[in-house]
Each structure stands twice: as C-alpha cells, then as structure tokens.
Amino acid sequence: MHCSLQSLDLYRQQSTFVSHPADGKFIRESCNGLLCLSEGFPFETLTLFNPSTRSVSPSVPFECSDECGDLVFRGFGYDILHDQYKFVMGCRASSLRTDFKVRSGAIVFTFGANPCWKTVDHPVFPYHVADKGDGIFVSGTPNWLVYDSTGTRDYETEWFVLTFDLKTESFGRMCLPIVARCSDYTQVPQLSLRNNCLFYSVCTTCILFCTFWIMTEHG
C-alpha cells in the first residue's frame, strides 16, 4: 500500500522522540508499521507511535461517549485519498437490548498537523459486533464481523461484514456466503487477514465440515 513520507514521519515538525512511549498507554491498533496508542479507559487520549524511528505524535484528548460503556468497536487505518491516518469507534450493538433505543453516532478521529474528531451516523441496519470489536484494515477500510441480533435462534443468525470507508467516512455492509446452518456451531464464525485478504471461516458439528472464504478483491 502506498504511504507518503509525511504520514510515516508522523508530521515530523510536531513529533518528539521518547524511550518509553507506551508508558501508561495501551496499543489499540496498528497500520503500516504505526501503532495507535490510547490512555485511560476506554479512551481518554490518542497517540501515534512509529517504533522504527521512536517518534511519537502529541497525545490528543479524545471524547468518548459513555452510552456504550466498554462495549465498543474500533478501527484504525490509512486514508490514501487525503493522506491521513484515522481512528473510528462506535457501539458494538446498534441498539440497547432493553428498549431498542437507537445509538448516537460513531466517532472518527483524524491524526495530523491539526488533529480533529467528528461524529458520523451509525449504520441504519441492525448489527452486533462479534468478538472484541477490533477492526481488520484492508483496502482503505476497517472491517468487523457482525451479526443481525434480531433472529430468534442461533442458527437463524445472519452474519455479514461491517465496513467503514475512511475516504467517505461512511459505513457499509458486505454479505457473506450462505453456508449450511444447524443449531450447534463448534465455534463463532471467524474473520481474519490472510495475504492482505479478508478470510472468513465457519465450522459446524451437525454435518462435520468447515467452510472457508477468501475475498481476493474488497467490496
């Protein structure tokens, strides 16, 4: 993937060099060799760190809504169109289970010489992010494995990929291949990265087989 020297140098005019940049911070995501660090819980500040040069960007306050608690999804990646690194965070579920109240918008933070954050609309369709909510960055978009939680039984659950286009700062969805379903999964379906491609797998016990799907072209 193309990355400009400006991005990889963390906007050198404002970066500093430190021996222990991660003191008191957590590694949240990585992209193109850069680490996205946060301080506090769930997120109070955001910082970019380049391990190869040991340069670190200024820590910037990050306002995180408390409506999600610690149930958040997050993603980090490079916007090639605007030559910017961005961090996105939102609620792992599209609605509260108790009263189905619609969540407020997700938050997009843009790193750079003039860092800023904004609120964007959550997806309009029902979803629930699986696993820990870490995004997988491919072709300019963080991706999450999600399911439609409105089904009444596990084997009726519809799984798909939630995407966030860093260029347009908008959410989308990609349908996953339909596989034979039964009421007894050996594991939750998995979404991972293989050779810079999204890799989807699901195994069942009722008919003793596994299905693997590799998306060679994103979208």
C-alpha atoms as a PDB file:
ATOM      1  CA  MET A   1       0.000   0.000   0.000  1.00  0.00           C
ATOM      2  CA  HIS A   2       1.257   3.470  -0.847  1.00  0.00           C
ATOM      3  CA  CYS A   3       2.050   5.669   2.135  1.00  0.00           C
ATOM      4  CA  SER A   4       3.569   9.112   1.943  1.00  0.00           C
ATOM      5  CA  LEU A   5       6.685  10.045   3.890  1.00  0.00           C
ATOM      6  CA  GLN A   6       4.654  12.756   5.553  1.00  0.00           C
ATOM      7  CA  SER A   7       2.320  10.188   7.106  1.00  0.00           C
ATOM      8  CA  LEU A   8       5.042   7.760   8.149  1.00  0.00           C
ATOM      9  CA  ASP A   9       7.071  10.544   9.761  1.00  0.00           C
ATOM     10  CA  LEU A  10       4.125  11.472  11.989  1.00  0.00           C
ATOM     11  CA  TYR A  11       4.238  15.063  10.829  1.00  0.00           C
ATOM     12  CA  ARG A  12       7.845  15.376  11.903  1.00  0.00           C
ATOM     13  CA  GLN A  13       7.640  19.030  12.846  1.00  0.00           C
ATOM     14  CA  GLN A  14       5.404  18.192  15.820  1.00  0.00           C
ATOM     15  CA  SER A  15       6.699  14.755  16.825  1.00  0.00           C
ATOM     16  CA  THR A  16       9.021  14.037  19.721  1.00  0.00           C
ATOM     17  CA  PHE A  17      11.419  11.187  20.430  1.00  0.00           C
ATOM     18  CA  VAL A  18      10.987   9.102  23.569  1.00  0.00           C
ATOM     19  CA  SER A  19      12.499   5.988  25.130  1.00  0.00           C
ATOM     20  CA  HIS A  20       9.274   4.544  26.538  1.00  0.00           C
ATOM     21  CA  PRO A  21       6.325   5.960  24.561  1.00  0.00           C
ATOM     22  CA  ALA A  22       3.879   3.326  25.777  1.00  0.00           C
ATOM     23  CA  ASP A  23       4.196   4.034  29.497  1.00  0.00           C
ATOM     24  CA  GLY A  24       0.638   4.144  30.826  1.00  0.00           C
ATOM     25  CA  LYS A  25      -0.785   3.564  27.341  1.00  0.00           C
ATOM     26  CA  PHE A  26      -2.427   0.650  25.540  1.00  0.00           C
ATOM     27  CA  ILE A  27      -1.752  -0.474  21.981  1.00  0.00           C
ATOM     28  CA  ARG A  28      -5.171  -0.330  20.314  1.00  0.00           C
ATOM     29  CA  GLU A  29      -4.470  -0.861  16.615  1.00  0.00           C
ATOM     30  CA  SER A  30      -1.627  -0.861  14.074  1.00  0.00           C
ATOM     31  CA  CYS A  31      -1.314   0.068  10.411  1.00  0.00           C
ATOM     32  CA  ASN A  32       1.692   0.355   8.072  1.00  0.00           C
ATOM     33  CA  GLY A  33       4.080  -0.051  10.985  1.00  0.00           C
ATOM     34  CA  LEU A  34       2.479   2.688  13.097  1.00  0.00           C
ATOM     35  CA  LEU A  35       0.889   1.963  16.463  1.00  0.00           C
ATOM     36  CA  CYS A  36      -2.239   3.714  17.702  1.00  0.00           C
ATOM     37  CA  LEU A  37      -1.935   4.143  21.477  1.00  0.00           C
ATOM     38  CA  SER A  38      -4.568   5.185  23.973  1.00  0.00           C
ATOM     39  CA  GLU A  39      -4.508   6.223  27.593  1.00  0.00           C
ATOM     40  CA  GLY A  40      -7.329   5.780  30.089  1.00  0.00           C
ATOM     41  CA  PHE A  41     -10.423   3.633  29.724  1.00  0.00           C
ATOM     42  CA  PRO A  42     -11.950   3.233  27.353  1.00  0.00           C
ATOM     43  CA  PHE A  43     -10.190   6.136  25.547  1.00  0.00           C
ATOM     44  CA  GLU A  44      -9.077   9.457  27.026  1.00  0.00           C
ATOM     45  CA  THR A  45      -6.184  10.295  24.697  1.00  0.00           C
ATOM     46  CA  LEU A  46      -4.912   9.007  21.351  1.00  0.00           C
ATOM     47  CA  THR A  47      -1.290   8.946  20.198  1.00  0.00           C
ATOM     48  CA  LEU A  48       0.569   7.662  17.139  1.00  0.00           C
ATOM     49  CA  PHE A  49       3.940   5.960  17.621  1.00  0.00           C
ATOM     50  CA  ASN A  50       6.497   4.918  14.989  1.00  0.00           C
ATOM     51  CA  PRO A  51       8.613   2.116  16.543  1.00  0.00           C
ATOM     52  CA  SER A  52      11.272   2.262  13.819  1.00  0.00           C
ATOM     53  CA  THR A  53      12.106   5.935  14.455  1.00  0.00           C
ATOM     54  CA  ARG A  54      10.794   6.085  18.049  1.00  0.00           C
ATOM     55  CA  SER A  55       8.912   9.250  17.150  1.00  0.00           C
ATOM     56  CA  VAL A  56       5.560   9.901  18.756  1.00  0.00           C
ATOM     57  CA  SER A  57       2.809  12.366  17.961  1.00  0.00           C
ATOM     58  CA  PRO A  58       1.336  14.650  20.627  1.00  0.00           C
ATOM     59  CA  SER A  59      -1.309  12.968  22.789  1.00  0.00           C
ATOM     60  CA  VAL A  60      -4.688  14.395  21.872  1.00  0.00           C
ATOM     61  CA  PRO A  61      -7.784  14.315  24.148  1.00  0.00           C
ATOM     62  CA  PHE A  62     -10.468  12.008  22.819  1.00  0.00           C
ATOM     63  CA  GLU A  63     -14.069  12.475  23.915  1.00  0.00           C
ATOM     64  CA  CYS A  64     -15.736   9.092  24.245  1.00  0.00           C
ATOM     65  CA  SER A  65     -19.467   8.757  24.881  1.00  0.00           C
ATOM     66  CA  ASP A  66     -20.349   6.721  27.959  1.00  0.00           C
ATOM     67  CA  GLU A  67     -23.503   5.252  26.435  1.00  0.00           C
ATOM     68  CA  CYS A  68     -21.596   2.187  25.195  1.00  0.00           C
ATOM     69  CA  GLY A  69     -19.565   1.596  28.343  1.00  0.00           C
ATOM     70  CA  ASP A  70     -16.729  -0.747  27.403  1.00  0.00           C
ATOM     71  CA  LEU A  71     -18.806  -2.387  24.630  1.00  0.00           C
ATOM     72  CA  VAL A  72     -17.206  -0.563  21.712  1.00  0.00           C
ATOM     73  CA  PHE A  73     -15.763  -1.481  18.342  1.00  0.00           C
ATOM     74  CA  ARG A  74     -12.760   0.339  16.945  1.00  0.00           C
ATOM     75  CA  GLY A  75     -10.670   0.538  13.806  1.00  0.00           C
ATOM     76  CA  PHE A  76      -7.530   2.299  12.621  1.00  0.00           C
ATOM     77  CA  GLY A  77      -6.228   2.799   9.117  1.00  0.00           C
ATOM     78  CA  TYR A  78      -4.811   4.997   6.384  1.00  0.00           C
ATOM     79  CA  ASP A  79      -6.943   7.219   4.145  1.00  0.00           C
ATOM     80  CA  ILE A  80      -4.912   7.244   0.930  1.00  0.00           C
ATOM     81  CA  LEU A  81      -7.101   9.924  -0.699  1.00  0.00           C
ATOM     82  CA  HIS A  82      -6.489  12.548   1.997  1.00  0.00           C
ATOM     83  CA  ASP A  83      -3.103  11.196   3.200  1.00  0.00           C
ATOM     84  CA  GLN A  84      -4.332  10.847   6.768  1.00  0.00           C
ATOM     85  CA  TYR A  85      -4.488   8.216   9.472  1.00  0.00           C
ATOM     86  CA  LYS A  86      -7.897   7.822  11.097  1.00  0.00           C
ATOM     87  CA  PHE A  87      -9.357   6.063  14.120  1.00  0.00           C
ATOM     88  CA  VAL A  88     -13.048   5.151  14.327  1.00  0.00           C
ATOM     89  CA  MET A  89     -15.015   3.976  17.347  1.00  0.00           C
ATOM     90  CA  GLY A  90     -18.670   3.130  17.935  1.00  0.00           C
ATOM     91  CA  CYS A  91     -21.051   0.995  19.992  1.00  0.00           C
ATOM     92  CA  ARG A  92     -20.793  -2.748  19.387  1.00  0.00           C
ATOM     93  CA  ALA A  93     -24.577  -3.049  19.205  1.00  0.00           C
ATOM     94  CA  SER A  94     -26.906  -0.955  17.058  1.00  0.00           C
ATOM     95  CA  SER A  95     -29.473  -0.632  19.837  1.00  0.00           C
ATOM     96  CA  LEU A  96     -29.965  -1.144  23.541  1.00  0.00           C
ATOM     97  CA  ARG A  97     -31.447  -4.571  24.208  1.00  0.00           C
ATOM     98  CA  THR A  98     -33.727  -3.168  26.909  1.00  0.00           C
ATOM     99  CA  ASP A  99     -35.653  -0.540  24.963  1.00  0.00           C
ATOM    100  CA  PHE A 100     -34.136  -0.678  21.459  1.00  0.00           C
ATOM    101  CA  LYS A 101     -33.092   2.935  21.705  1.00  0.00           C
ATOM    102  CA  VAL A 102     -31.114   3.999  18.656  1.00  0.00           C
ATOM    103  CA  ARG A 103     -27.465   4.690  19.381  1.00  0.00           C
ATOM    104  CA  SER A 104     -25.921   8.074  18.695  1.00  0.00           C
ATOM    105  CA  GLY A 105     -23.227   8.413  16.067  1.00  0.00           C
ATOM    106  CA  ALA A 106     -19.815   6.796  15.865  1.00  0.00           C
ATOM    107  CA  ILE A 107     -16.683   8.920  16.350  1.00  0.00           C
ATOM    108  CA  VAL A 108     -13.952   9.423  13.741  1.00  0.00           C
ATOM    109  CA  PHE A 109     -10.622  10.886  14.828  1.00  0.00           C
ATOM    110  CA  THR A 110      -8.168  12.227  12.231  1.00  0.00           C
ATOM    111  CA  PHE A 111      -4.467  12.430  13.061  1.00  0.00           C
ATOM    112  CA  GLY A 112      -2.275  15.134  11.538  1.00  0.00           C
ATOM    113  CA  ALA A 113      -0.834  18.593  11.995  1.00  0.00           C
ATOM    114  CA  ASN A 114      -4.344  19.738  13.011  1.00  0.00           C
ATOM    115  CA  PRO A 115      -5.939  16.676  14.655  1.00  0.00           C
ATOM    116  CA  CYS A 116      -9.713  16.681  14.905  1.00  0.00           C
ATOM    117  CA  TRP A 117     -12.665  14.405  15.561  1.00  0.00           C
ATOM    118  CA  LYS A 118     -16.234  14.292  14.312  1.00  0.00           C
ATOM    119  CA  THR A 119     -19.420  12.290  14.757  1.00  0.00           C
ATOM    120  CA  VAL A 120     -20.806  10.217  11.885  1.00  0.00           C
ATOM    121  CA  ASP A 121     -24.023   8.236  11.618  1.00  0.00           C
ATOM    122  CA  HIS A 122     -24.079   4.667  12.825  1.00  0.00           C
ATOM    123  CA  PRO A 123     -25.301   2.037  10.329  1.00  0.00           C
ATOM    124  CA  VAL A 124     -29.077   2.133   9.893  1.00  0.00           C
ATOM    125  CA  PHE A 125     -29.385  -1.681   9.851  1.00  0.00           C
ATOM    126  CA  PRO A 126     -29.389  -3.915  12.974  1.00  0.00           C
ATOM    127  CA  TYR A 127     -25.978  -5.288  13.911  1.00  0.00           C
ATOM    128  CA  HIS A 128     -23.926  -6.643  16.784  1.00  0.00           C
ATOM    129  CA  VAL A 129     -20.130  -6.790  16.507  1.00  0.00           C
ATOM    130  CA  ALA A 130     -18.661 -10.185  17.372  1.00  0.00           C
ATOM    131  CA  ASP A 131     -15.519 -10.887  19.400  1.00  0.00           C
ATOM    132  CA  LYS A 132     -13.615  -7.968  20.935  1.00  0.00           C
ATOM    133  CA  GLY A 133     -14.523  -5.367  18.337  1.00  0.00           C
ATOM    134  CA  ASP A 134     -11.073  -4.950  16.750  1.00  0.00           C
ATOM    135  CA  GLY A 135     -11.229  -3.869  13.116  1.00  0.00           C
ATOM    136  CA  ILE A 136      -9.291  -5.565  10.304  1.00  0.00           C
ATOM    137  CA  PHE A 137      -7.849  -2.985   7.918  1.00  0.00           C
ATOM    138  CA  VAL A 138      -7.960  -3.874   4.209  1.00  0.00           C
ATOM    139  CA  SER A 139      -8.020  -1.625   1.127  1.00  0.00           C
ATOM    140  CA  GLY A 140      -8.743   1.607   2.970  1.00  0.00           C
ATOM    141  CA  THR A 141     -11.477   0.204   5.208  1.00  0.00           C
ATOM    142  CA  PRO A 142     -11.575  -1.276   8.708  1.00  0.00           C
ATOM    143  CA  ASN A 143     -13.842  -4.355   8.757  1.00  0.00           C
ATOM    144  CA  TRP A 144     -15.710  -6.170  11.535  1.00  0.00           C
ATOM    145  CA  LEU A 145     -17.556  -9.477  11.665  1.00  0.00           C
ATOM    146  CA  VAL A 146     -21.103  -8.738  12.822  1.00  0.00           C
ATOM    147  CA  TYR A 147     -24.465 -10.429  13.020  1.00  0.00           C
ATOM    148  CA  ASP A 148     -28.105  -9.427  12.994  1.00  0.00           C
ATOM    149  CA  SER A 149     -29.219  -9.985  16.574  1.00  0.00           C
ATOM    150  CA  THR A 150     -32.945  -9.860  15.734  1.00  0.00           C
ATOM    151  CA  GLY A 151     -33.061 -13.610  14.944  1.00  0.00           C
ATOM    152  CA  THR A 152     -34.781 -15.821  17.499  1.00  0.00           C
ATOM    153  CA  ARG A 153     -32.400 -18.786  17.292  1.00  0.00           C
ATOM    154  CA  ASP A 154     -28.620 -19.008  16.827  1.00  0.00           C
ATOM    155  CA  TYR A 155     -28.833 -20.989  13.593  1.00  0.00           C
ATOM    156  CA  GLU A 156     -31.049 -18.287  12.081  1.00  0.00           C
ATOM    157  CA  THR A 157     -28.445 -15.599  12.716  1.00  0.00           C
ATOM    158  CA  GLU A 158     -27.330 -13.665   9.642  1.00  0.00           C
ATOM    159  CA  TRP A 159     -23.591 -12.915   9.608  1.00  0.00           C
ATOM    160  CA  PHE A 160     -22.061 -10.153   7.486  1.00  0.00           C
ATOM    161  CA  VAL A 161     -19.099  -7.763   7.377  1.00  0.00           C
ATOM    162  CA  LEU A 162     -19.488  -4.212   8.650  1.00  0.00           C
ATOM    163  CA  THR A 163     -17.164  -1.845   6.777  1.00  0.00           C
ATOM    164  CA  PHE A 164     -16.120   1.766   7.240  1.00  0.00           C
ATOM    165  CA  ASP A 165     -14.740   3.658   4.246  1.00  0.00           C
ATOM    166  CA  LEU A 166     -12.078   6.045   5.568  1.00  0.00           C
ATOM    167  CA  LYS A 167     -12.266   8.222   2.438  1.00  0.00           C
ATOM    168  CA  THR A 168     -16.007   8.899   2.626  1.00  0.00           C
ATOM    169  CA  GLU A 169     -16.308   8.261   6.394  1.00  0.00           C
ATOM    170  CA  SER A 170     -19.383   6.104   5.945  1.00  0.00           C
ATOM    171  CA  PHE A 171     -20.461   2.609   6.979  1.00  0.00           C
ATOM    172  CA  GLY A 172     -21.470  -0.210   4.687  1.00  0.00           C
ATOM    173  CA  ARG A 173     -22.079  -3.938   4.759  1.00  0.00           C
ATOM    174  CA  MET A 174     -20.949  -6.933   2.749  1.00  0.00           C
ATOM    175  CA  CYS A 175     -22.978 -10.113   2.691  1.00  0.00           C
ATOM    176  CA  LEU A 176     -21.151 -13.332   3.479  1.00  0.00           C
ATOM    177  CA  PRO A 177     -21.603 -16.613   1.575  1.00  0.00           C
ATOM    178  CA  ILE A 178     -24.536 -18.680   2.771  1.00  0.00           C
ATOM    179  CA  VAL A 179     -23.415 -21.931   4.370  1.00  0.00           C
ATOM    180  CA  ALA A 180     -25.390 -24.877   5.690  1.00  0.00           C
ATOM    181  CA  ARG A 181     -26.685 -23.949   9.130  1.00  0.00           C
ATOM    182  CA  CYS A 182     -27.642 -26.003  12.132  1.00  0.00           C
ATOM    183  CA  SER A 183     -28.312 -25.306  15.786  1.00  0.00           C
ATOM    184  CA  ASP A 184     -24.868 -26.370  17.005  1.00  0.00           C
ATOM    185  CA  TYR A 185     -21.827 -24.364  15.944  1.00  0.00           C
ATOM    186  CA  THR A 186     -18.444 -25.627  17.103  1.00  0.00           C
ATOM    187  CA  GLN A 187     -17.308 -22.005  17.175  1.00  0.00           C
ATOM    188  CA  VAL A 188     -18.404 -18.497  16.340  1.00  0.00           C
ATOM    189  CA  PRO A 189     -17.527 -17.684  12.700  1.00  0.00           C
ATOM    190  CA  GLN A 190     -14.150 -16.001  12.391  1.00  0.00           C
ATOM    191  CA  LEU A 191     -12.935 -13.074  10.290  1.00  0.00           C
ATOM    192  CA  SER A 192      -9.180 -12.646   9.874  1.00  0.00           C
ATOM    193  CA  LEU A 193      -6.485 -11.460   7.462  1.00  0.00           C
ATOM    194  CA  ARG A 194      -4.604 -13.770   5.077  1.00  0.00           C
ATOM    195  CA  ASN A 195      -2.189 -12.389   2.470  1.00  0.00           C
ATOM    196  CA  ASN A 196      -3.855  -8.972   2.716  1.00  0.00           C
ATOM    197  CA  CYS A 197      -7.280 -10.511   2.022  1.00  0.00           C
ATOM    198  CA  LEU A 198     -10.255 -10.974   4.315  1.00  0.00           C
ATOM    199  CA  PHE A 199     -10.596 -14.608   5.374  1.00  0.00           C
ATOM    200  CA  TYR A 200     -13.907 -15.951   6.697  1.00  0.00           C
ATOM    201  CA  SER A 201     -14.345 -19.356   8.293  1.00  0.00           C
ATOM    202  CA  VAL A 202     -17.170 -21.238   9.979  1.00  0.00           C
ATOM    203  CA  CYS A 203     -17.272 -24.805  11.287  1.00  0.00           C
ATOM    204  CA  THR A 204     -20.319 -26.850  12.280  1.00  0.00           C
ATOM    205  CA  THR A 205     -20.696 -30.130  14.137  1.00  0.00           C
ATOM    206  CA  CYS A 206     -24.064 -31.231  12.782  1.00  0.00           C
ATOM    207  CA  ILE A 207     -22.627 -32.120   9.370  1.00  0.00           C
ATOM    208  CA  LEU A 208     -18.941 -32.168  10.310  1.00  0.00           C
ATOM    209  CA  PHE A 209     -17.404 -29.706   7.880  1.00  0.00           C
ATOM    210  CA  CYS A 210     -15.745 -26.294   7.747  1.00  0.00           C
ATOM    211  CA  THR A 211     -16.285 -23.562   5.183  1.00  0.00           C
ATOM    212  CA  PHE A 212     -13.553 -21.103   4.240  1.00  0.00           C
ATOM    213  CA  TRP A 213     -13.968 -17.978   2.131  1.00  0.00           C
ATOM    214  CA  ILE A 214     -11.215 -15.653   0.878  1.00  0.00           C
ATOM    215  CA  MET A 215     -12.141 -12.267  -0.563  1.00  0.00           C
ATOM    216  CA  THR A 216      -9.452 -11.564  -3.152  1.00  0.00           C
ATOM    217  CA  GLU A 217     -10.982  -8.194  -4.069  1.00  0.00           C
ATOM    218  CA  HIS A 218     -12.541  -5.924  -1.453  1.00  0.00           C
ATOM    219  CA  GLY A 219     -16.053  -4.630  -1.996  1.00  0.00           C
END
